[in-house]
């Protein structure tokens, strides 16, 4: 898979144009460019797994986190 760099304003606009969480950024761009939806996406009922991206760092699906706050340990999974 290729990656492209976009600035934060472009990322926000793509995110705002997603009608539901099942609409990928690629789906948004295909619509903007008037391209037909991909065939496998049009019939897919399975949820998509998106990485969590913050401050330029991408955390893949199932990344585990842990942190201590005010003496208490917290765990989380993306």
PDB file of N, CA and C in Angstrom:
ATOM      1  N   UNK A   1       0.841  -1.178   0.000  1.00  0.00           N
ATOM      2  CA  UNK A   1       0.000   0.000   0.000  1.00  0.00           C
ATOM      3  C   UNK A   1       0.884   1.239   0.000  1.00  0.00           C
ATOM      4  N   UNK A   2       0.527   2.188  -0.835  1.00  0.00           N
ATOM      5  CA  UNK A   2       1.254   3.440  -0.879  1.00  0.00           C
ATOM      6  C   UNK A   2       0.682   4.406   0.156  1.00  0.00           C
ATOM      7  N   UNK A   3       1.499   5.319   0.600  1.00  0.00           N
ATOM      8  CA  UNK A   3       1.021   6.357   1.512  1.00  0.00           C
ATOM      9  C   UNK A   3       1.259   7.716   0.873  1.00  0.00           C
ATOM     10  N   UNK A   4       0.420   8.667   1.252  1.00  0.00           N
ATOM     11  CA  UNK A   4       0.604  10.042   0.802  1.00  0.00           C
ATOM     12  C   UNK A   4       0.588  10.939   2.023  1.00  0.00           C
ATOM     13  N   UNK A   5       1.295  12.036   1.946  1.00  0.00           N
ATOM     14  CA  UNK A   5       1.293  12.995   3.042  1.00  0.00           C
ATOM     15  C   UNK A   5       0.255  14.071   2.758  1.00  0.00           C
ATOM     16  N   UNK A   6      -0.558  14.368   3.766  1.00  0.00           N
ATOM     17  CA  UNK A   6      -1.547  15.436   3.655  1.00  0.00           C
ATOM     18  C   UNK A   6      -1.417  16.315   4.893  1.00  0.00           C
ATOM     19  N   UNK A   7      -1.848  17.566   4.767  1.00  0.00           N
ATOM     20  CA  UNK A   7      -1.783  18.436   5.937  1.00  0.00           C
ATOM     21  C   UNK A   7      -3.046  18.246   6.782  1.00  0.00           C
ATOM     22  N   UNK A   8      -3.050  18.840   7.961  1.00  0.00           N
ATOM     23  CA  UNK A   8      -4.131  18.633   8.919  1.00  0.00           C
ATOM     24  C   UNK A   8      -5.478  19.118   8.403  1.00  0.00           C
ATOM     25  N   UNK A   9      -5.490  20.232   7.661  1.00  0.00           N
ATOM     26  CA  UNK A   9      -6.753  20.748   7.115  1.00  0.00           C
ATOM     27  C   UNK A   9      -7.380  19.767   6.128  1.00  0.00           C
ATOM     28  N   UNK A  10      -6.557  19.136   5.300  1.00  0.00           N
ATOM     29  CA  UNK A  10      -7.061  18.136   4.348  1.00  0.00           C
ATOM     30  C   UNK A  10      -7.594  16.931   5.112  1.00  0.00           C
ATOM     31  N   UNK A  11      -6.879  16.485   6.127  1.00  0.00           N
ATOM     32  CA  UNK A  11      -7.329  15.364   6.954  1.00  0.00           C
ATOM     33  C   UNK A  11      -8.681  15.663   7.595  1.00  0.00           C
ATOM     34  N   UNK A  12      -8.835  16.882   8.137  1.00  0.00           N
ATOM     35  CA  UNK A  12     -10.108  17.261   8.763  1.00  0.00           C
ATOM     36  C   UNK A  12     -11.239  17.235   7.744  1.00  0.00           C
ATOM     37  N   UNK A  13     -10.991  17.752   6.540  1.00  0.00           N
ATOM     38  CA  UNK A  13     -12.032  17.790   5.506  1.00  0.00           C
ATOM     39  C   UNK A  13     -12.443  16.383   5.086  1.00  0.00           C
ATOM     40  N   UNK A  14     -11.474  15.506   4.899  1.00  0.00           N
ATOM     41  CA  UNK A  14     -11.801  14.118   4.550  1.00  0.00           C
ATOM     42  C   UNK A  14     -12.614  13.479   5.667  1.00  0.00           C
ATOM     43  N   UNK A  15     -12.213  13.703   6.904  1.00  0.00           N
ATOM     44  CA  UNK A  15     -12.919  13.137   8.049  1.00  0.00           C
ATOM     45  C   UNK A  15     -14.349  13.663   8.130  1.00  0.00           C
ATOM     46  N   UNK A  16     -14.542  14.943   7.892  1.00  0.00           N
ATOM     47  CA  UNK A  16     -15.883  15.528   7.928  1.00  0.00           C
ATOM     48  C   UNK A  16     -16.789  14.969   6.840  1.00  0.00           C
ATOM     49  N   UNK A  17     -16.223  14.578   5.709  1.00  0.00           N
ATOM     50  CA  UNK A  17     -17.019  14.065   4.594  1.00  0.00           C
ATOM     51  C   UNK A  17     -17.384  12.594   4.746  1.00  0.00           C
ATOM     52  N   UNK A  18     -16.828  11.913   5.739  1.00  0.00           N
ATOM     53  CA  UNK A  18     -17.202  10.513   5.980  1.00  0.00           C
ATOM     54  C   UNK A  18     -18.601  10.486   6.588  1.00  0.00           C
ATOM     55  N   UNK A  19     -19.551   9.879   5.883  1.00  0.00           N
ATOM     56  CA  UNK A  19     -20.937   9.854   6.348  1.00  0.00           C
ATOM     57  C   UNK A  19     -21.120   8.936   7.551  1.00  0.00           C
ATOM     58  N   UNK A  20     -20.359   7.845   7.609  1.00  0.00           N
ATOM     59  CA  UNK A  20     -20.373   6.912   8.735  1.00  0.00           C
ATOM     60  C   UNK A  20     -18.943   6.433   8.957  1.00  0.00           C
ATOM     61  N   UNK A  21     -18.744   5.693  10.038  1.00  0.00           N
ATOM     62  CA  UNK A  21     -17.408   5.145  10.313  1.00  0.00           C
ATOM     63  C   UNK A  21     -17.021   4.064   9.308  1.00  0.00           C
ATOM     64  N   UNK A  22     -18.004   3.498   8.600  1.00  0.00           N
ATOM     65  CA  UNK A  22     -17.706   2.476   7.601  1.00  0.00           C
ATOM     66  C   UNK A  22     -17.227   3.069   6.283  1.00  0.00           C
ATOM     67  N   UNK A  23     -17.291   4.383   6.143  1.00  0.00           N
ATOM     68  CA  UNK A  23     -16.792   5.059   4.942  1.00  0.00           C
ATOM     69  C   UNK A  23     -15.316   5.384   5.176  1.00  0.00           C
ATOM     70  N   UNK A  24     -14.470   4.845   4.318  1.00  0.00           N
ATOM     71  CA  UNK A  24     -13.025   5.064   4.482  1.00  0.00           C
ATOM     72  C   UNK A  24     -12.610   6.392   3.843  1.00  0.00           C
ATOM     73  N   UNK A  25     -11.442   6.904   4.216  1.00  0.00           N
ATOM     74  CA  UNK A  25     -10.920   8.086   3.535  1.00  0.00           C
ATOM     75  C   UNK A  25     -10.791   7.854   2.023  1.00  0.00           C
ATOM     76  N   UNK A  26     -10.428   6.636   1.626  1.00  0.00           N
ATOM     77  CA  UNK A  26     -10.347   6.305   0.203  1.00  0.00           C
ATOM     78  C   UNK A  26     -11.710   6.439  -0.466  1.00  0.00           C
ATOM     79  N   UNK A  27     -12.778   5.989   0.217  1.00  0.00           N
ATOM     80  CA  UNK A  27     -14.129   6.123  -0.326  1.00  0.00           C
ATOM     81  C   UNK A  27     -14.477   7.604  -0.552  1.00  0.00           C
ATOM     82  N   UNK A  28     -14.097   8.442   0.406  1.00  0.00           N
ATOM     83  CA  UNK A  28     -14.369   9.880   0.296  1.00  0.00           C
ATOM     84  C   UNK A  28     -13.664  10.451  -0.933  1.00  0.00           C
ATOM     85  N   UNK A  29     -12.399  10.108  -1.111  1.00  0.00           N
ATOM     86  CA  UNK A  29     -11.638  10.634  -2.243  1.00  0.00           C
ATOM     87  C   UNK A  29     -12.180  10.106  -3.572  1.00  0.00           C
ATOM     88  N   UNK A  30     -12.607   8.836  -3.600  1.00  0.00           N
ATOM     89  CA  UNK A  30     -13.208   8.295  -4.835  1.00  0.00           C
ATOM     90  C   UNK A  30     -14.456   9.088  -5.200  1.00  0.00           C
ATOM     91  N   UNK A  31     -15.237   9.470  -4.189  1.00  0.00           N
ATOM     92  CA  UNK A  31     -16.440  10.266  -4.445  1.00  0.00           C
ATOM     93  C   UNK A  31     -16.067  11.670  -4.942  1.00  0.00           C
ATOM     94  N   UNK A  32     -15.083  12.295  -4.313  1.00  0.00           N
ATOM     95  CA  UNK A  32     -14.647  13.636  -4.720  1.00  0.00           C
ATOM     96  C   UNK A  32     -14.155  13.629  -6.166  1.00  0.00           C
ATOM     97  N   UNK A  33     -13.428  12.568  -6.554  1.00  0.00           N
ATOM     98  CA  UNK A  33     -12.878  12.475  -7.906  1.00  0.00           C
ATOM     99  C   UNK A  33     -13.855  11.841  -8.899  1.00  0.00           C
ATOM    100  N   UNK A  34     -15.099  11.604  -8.461  1.00  0.00           N
ATOM    101  CA  UNK A  34     -16.148  11.008  -9.310  1.00  0.00           C
ATOM    102  C   UNK A  34     -15.750   9.644  -9.865  1.00  0.00           C
ATOM    103  N   UNK A  35     -15.082   8.847  -9.034  1.00  0.00           N
ATOM    104  CA  UNK A  35     -14.720   7.480  -9.407  1.00  0.00           C
ATOM    105  C   UNK A  35     -15.779   6.526  -8.867  1.00  0.00           C
ATOM    106  N   UNK A  36     -16.006   5.437  -9.567  1.00  0.00           N
ATOM    107  CA  UNK A  36     -16.951   4.433  -9.086  1.00  0.00           C
ATOM    108  C   UNK A  36     -16.419   3.789  -7.812  1.00  0.00           C
ATOM    109  N   UNK A  37     -17.325   3.371  -6.900  1.00  0.00           N
ATOM    110  CA  UNK A  37     -16.871   2.665  -5.702  1.00  0.00           C
ATOM    111  C   UNK A  37     -16.201   1.352  -6.103  1.00  0.00           C
ATOM    112  N   UNK A  38     -15.233   0.939  -5.296  1.00  0.00           N
ATOM    113  CA  UNK A  38     -14.587  -0.331  -5.559  1.00  0.00           C
ATOM    114  C   UNK A  38     -15.607  -1.450  -5.361  1.00  0.00           C
ATOM    115  N   UNK A  39     -15.584  -2.442  -6.231  1.00  0.00           N
ATOM    116  CA  UNK A  39     -16.567  -3.533  -6.197  1.00  0.00           C
ATOM    117  C   UNK A  39     -16.546  -4.257  -4.861  1.00  0.00           C
ATOM    118  N   UNK A  40     -15.380  -4.631  -4.340  1.00  0.00           N
ATOM    119  CA  UNK A  40     -15.330  -5.378  -3.085  1.00  0.00           C
ATOM    120  C   UNK A  40     -15.827  -4.540  -1.911  1.00  0.00           C
ATOM    121  N   UNK A  41     -15.668  -3.209  -1.973  1.00  0.00           N
ATOM    122  CA  UNK A  41     -16.156  -2.351  -0.903  1.00  0.00           C
ATOM    123  C   UNK A  41     -17.674  -2.214  -0.940  1.00  0.00           C
ATOM    124  N   UNK A  42     -18.247  -2.231  -2.137  1.00  0.00           N
ATOM    125  CA  UNK A  42     -19.685  -2.027  -2.275  1.00  0.00           C
ATOM    126  C   UNK A  42     -20.488  -3.159  -1.648  1.00  0.00           C
ATOM    127  N   UNK A  43     -19.906  -4.369  -1.585  1.00  0.00           N
ATOM    128  CA  UNK A  43     -20.633  -5.520  -1.057  1.00  0.00           C
ATOM    129  C   UNK A  43     -20.109  -5.991   0.290  1.00  0.00           C
ATOM    130  N   UNK A  44     -19.214  -5.277   0.865  1.00  0.00           N
ATOM    131  CA  UNK A  44     -18.606  -5.690   2.130  1.00  0.00           C
ATOM    132  C   UNK A  44     -19.437  -5.224   3.312  1.00  0.00           C
ATOM    133  N   UNK A  45     -19.805  -6.172   4.184  1.00  0.00           N
ATOM    134  CA  UNK A  45     -20.512  -5.837   5.414  1.00  0.00           C
ATOM    135  C   UNK A  45     -19.576  -5.862   6.616  1.00  0.00           C
ATOM    136  N   UNK A  46     -18.337  -6.278   6.400  1.00  0.00           N
ATOM    137  CA  UNK A  46     -17.415  -6.386   7.525  1.00  0.00           C
ATOM    138  C   UNK A  46     -16.904  -5.011   7.918  1.00  0.00           C
ATOM    139  N   UNK A  47     -16.753  -4.777   9.234  1.00  0.00           N
ATOM    140  CA  UNK A  47     -16.239  -3.478   9.674  1.00  0.00           C
ATOM    141  C   UNK A  47     -14.776  -3.309   9.269  1.00  0.00           C
ATOM    142  N   UNK A  48     -14.398  -2.089   8.981  1.00  0.00           N
ATOM    143  CA  UNK A  48     -13.014  -1.802   8.626  1.00  0.00           C
ATOM    144  C   UNK A  48     -12.224  -1.518   9.886  1.00  0.00           C
ATOM    145  N   UNK A  49     -10.959  -1.839   9.841  1.00  0.00           N
ATOM    146  CA  UNK A  49     -10.084  -1.596  10.975  1.00  0.00           C
ATOM    147  C   UNK A  49      -9.148  -0.454  10.616  1.00  0.00           C
ATOM    148  N   UNK A  50      -9.347   0.688  11.273  1.00  0.00           N
ATOM    149  CA  UNK A  50      -8.537   1.866  11.016  1.00  0.00           C
ATOM    150  C   UNK A  50      -7.509   2.031  12.127  1.00  0.00           C
ATOM    151  N   UNK A  51      -6.308   2.491  11.782  1.00  0.00           N
ATOM    152  CA  UNK A  51      -5.350   2.798  12.843  1.00  0.00           C
ATOM    153  C   UNK A  51      -5.765   4.090  13.543  1.00  0.00           C
ATOM    154  N   UNK A  52      -5.301   4.244  14.762  1.00  0.00           N
ATOM    155  CA  UNK A  52      -5.496   5.490  15.486  1.00  0.00           C
ATOM    156  C   UNK A  52      -4.278   6.343  15.178  1.00  0.00           C
ATOM    157  N   UNK A  53      -4.479   7.534  14.635  1.00  0.00           N
ATOM    158  CA  UNK A  53      -3.368   8.419  14.268  1.00  0.00           C
ATOM    159  C   UNK A  53      -3.464   9.674  15.113  1.00  0.00           C
ATOM    160  N   UNK A  54      -2.388   9.988  15.799  1.00  0.00           N
ATOM    161  CA  UNK A  54      -2.331  11.196  16.602  1.00  0.00           C
ATOM    162  C   UNK A  54      -0.925  11.784  16.537  1.00  0.00           C
ATOM    163  N   UNK A  55      -0.843  13.064  16.307  1.00  0.00           N
ATOM    164  CA  UNK A  55       0.423  13.797  16.251  1.00  0.00           C
ATOM    165  C   UNK A  55       1.422  13.133  15.297  1.00  0.00           C
ATOM    166  N   UNK A  56       0.906  12.634  14.165  1.00  0.00           N
ATOM    167  CA  UNK A  56       1.769  12.041  13.150  1.00  0.00           C
ATOM    168  C   UNK A  56       2.200  10.615  13.430  1.00  0.00           C
ATOM    169  N   UNK A  57       1.727  10.014  14.520  1.00  0.00           N
ATOM    170  CA  UNK A  57       2.071   8.636  14.854  1.00  0.00           C
ATOM    171  C   UNK A  57       0.839   7.767  14.652  1.00  0.00           C
ATOM    172  N   UNK A  58       1.017   6.625  13.976  1.00  0.00           N
ATOM    173  CA  UNK A  58      -0.090   5.714  13.687  1.00  0.00           C
ATOM    174  C   UNK A  58       0.021   4.481  14.583  1.00  0.00           C
ATOM    175  N   UNK A  59      -1.065   4.173  15.284  1.00  0.00           N
ATOM    176  CA  UNK A  59      -1.122   2.986  16.127  1.00  0.00           C
ATOM    177  C   UNK A  59      -2.086   1.999  15.478  1.00  0.00           C
ATOM    178  N   UNK A  60      -1.593   0.835  15.010  1.00  0.00           N
ATOM    179  CA  UNK A  60      -2.449  -0.109  14.310  1.00  0.00           C
ATOM    180  C   UNK A  60      -3.540  -0.695  15.203  1.00  0.00           C
ATOM    181  N   UNK A  61      -4.540  -1.277  14.548  1.00  0.00           N
ATOM    182  CA  UNK A  61      -5.627  -1.961  15.249  1.00  0.00           C
ATOM    183  C   UNK A  61      -5.030  -2.985  16.218  1.00  0.00           C
ATOM    184  N   UNK A  62      -5.599  -3.089  17.398  1.00  0.00           N
ATOM    185  CA  UNK A  62      -5.185  -4.009  18.477  1.00  0.00           C
ATOM    186  C   UNK A  62      -3.923  -3.570  19.221  1.00  0.00           C
ATOM    187  N   UNK A  63      -3.457  -2.322  19.012  1.00  0.00           N
ATOM    188  CA  UNK A  63      -2.337  -1.822  19.802  1.00  0.00           C
ATOM    189  C   UNK A  63      -2.791  -1.691  21.256  1.00  0.00           C
ATOM    190  N   UNK A  64      -1.976  -2.195  22.175  1.00  0.00           N
ATOM    191  CA  UNK A  64      -2.309  -2.128  23.595  1.00  0.00           C
ATOM    192  C   UNK A  64      -1.532  -0.980  24.254  1.00  0.00           C
ATOM    193  N   UNK A  65      -2.217  -0.254  25.115  1.00  0.00           N
ATOM    194  CA  UNK A  65      -1.617   0.852  25.853  1.00  0.00           C
ATOM    195  C   UNK A  65      -1.784   0.623  27.338  1.00  0.00           C
ATOM    196  N   UNK A  66      -0.880   1.170  28.125  1.00  0.00           N
ATOM    197  CA  UNK A  66      -1.052   1.190  29.573  1.00  0.00           C
ATOM    198  C   UNK A  66      -0.400   2.457  30.101  1.00  0.00           C
ATOM    199  N   UNK A  67      -0.998   2.986  31.161  1.00  0.00           N
ATOM    200  CA  UNK A  67      -0.481   4.220  31.754  1.00  0.00           C
ATOM    201  C   UNK A  67      -0.897   4.262  33.210  1.00  0.00           C
ATOM    202  N   UNK A  68      -0.111   4.955  33.983  1.00  0.00           N
ATOM    203  CA  UNK A  68      -0.448   5.173  35.381  1.00  0.00           C
ATOM    204  C   UNK A  68      -0.842   6.630  35.544  1.00  0.00           C
ATOM    205  N   UNK A  69      -1.996   6.848  36.182  1.00  0.00           N
ATOM    206  CA  UNK A  69      -2.480   8.199  36.432  1.00  0.00           C
ATOM    207  C   UNK A  69      -2.957   8.268  37.870  1.00  0.00           C
ATOM    208  N   UNK A  70      -2.368   9.171  38.636  1.00  0.00           N
ATOM    209  CA  UNK A  70      -2.697   9.337  40.048  1.00  0.00           C
ATOM    210  C   UNK A  70      -2.640   8.012  40.798  1.00  0.00           C
ATOM    211  N   UNK A  71      -1.577   7.231  40.475  1.00  0.00           N
ATOM    212  CA  UNK A  71      -1.341   5.993  41.197  1.00  0.00           C
ATOM    213  C   UNK A  71      -2.170   4.797  40.730  1.00  0.00           C
ATOM    214  N   UNK A  72      -3.025   4.972  39.756  1.00  0.00           N
ATOM    215  CA  UNK A  72      -3.864   3.885  39.287  1.00  0.00           C
ATOM    216  C   UNK A  72      -3.452   3.507  37.865  1.00  0.00           C
ATOM    217  N   UNK A  73      -3.346   2.183  37.599  1.00  0.00           N
ATOM    218  CA  UNK A  73      -2.949   1.688  36.293  1.00  0.00           C
ATOM    219  C   UNK A  73      -4.183   1.591  35.381  1.00  0.00           C
ATOM    220  N   UNK A  74      -4.048   2.102  34.151  1.00  0.00           N
ATOM    221  CA  UNK A  74      -5.119   2.034  33.156  1.00  0.00           C
ATOM    222  C   UNK A  74      -4.594   1.302  31.933  1.00  0.00           C
ATOM    223  N   UNK A  75      -5.449   0.475  31.334  1.00  0.00           N
ATOM    224  CA  UNK A  75      -5.112  -0.263  30.116  1.00  0.00           C
ATOM    225  C   UNK A  75      -6.115   0.066  29.031  1.00  0.00           C
ATOM    226  N   UNK A  76      -5.660   0.017  27.791  1.00  0.00           N
ATOM    227  CA  UNK A  76      -6.576   0.263  26.672  1.00  0.00           C
ATOM    228  C   UNK A  76      -6.071  -0.404  25.408  1.00  0.00           C
ATOM    229  N   UNK A  77      -6.987  -0.646  24.488  1.00  0.00           N
ATOM    230  CA  UNK A  77      -6.655  -1.247  23.197  1.00  0.00           C
ATOM    231  C   UNK A  77      -7.301  -0.407  22.100  1.00  0.00           C
ATOM    232  N   UNK A  78      -6.525  -0.119  21.051  1.00  0.00           N
ATOM    233  CA  UNK A  78      -7.065   0.610  19.897  1.00  0.00           C
ATOM    234  C   UNK A  78      -8.006  -0.312  19.163  1.00  0.00           C
TER     235      UNK A  78
END
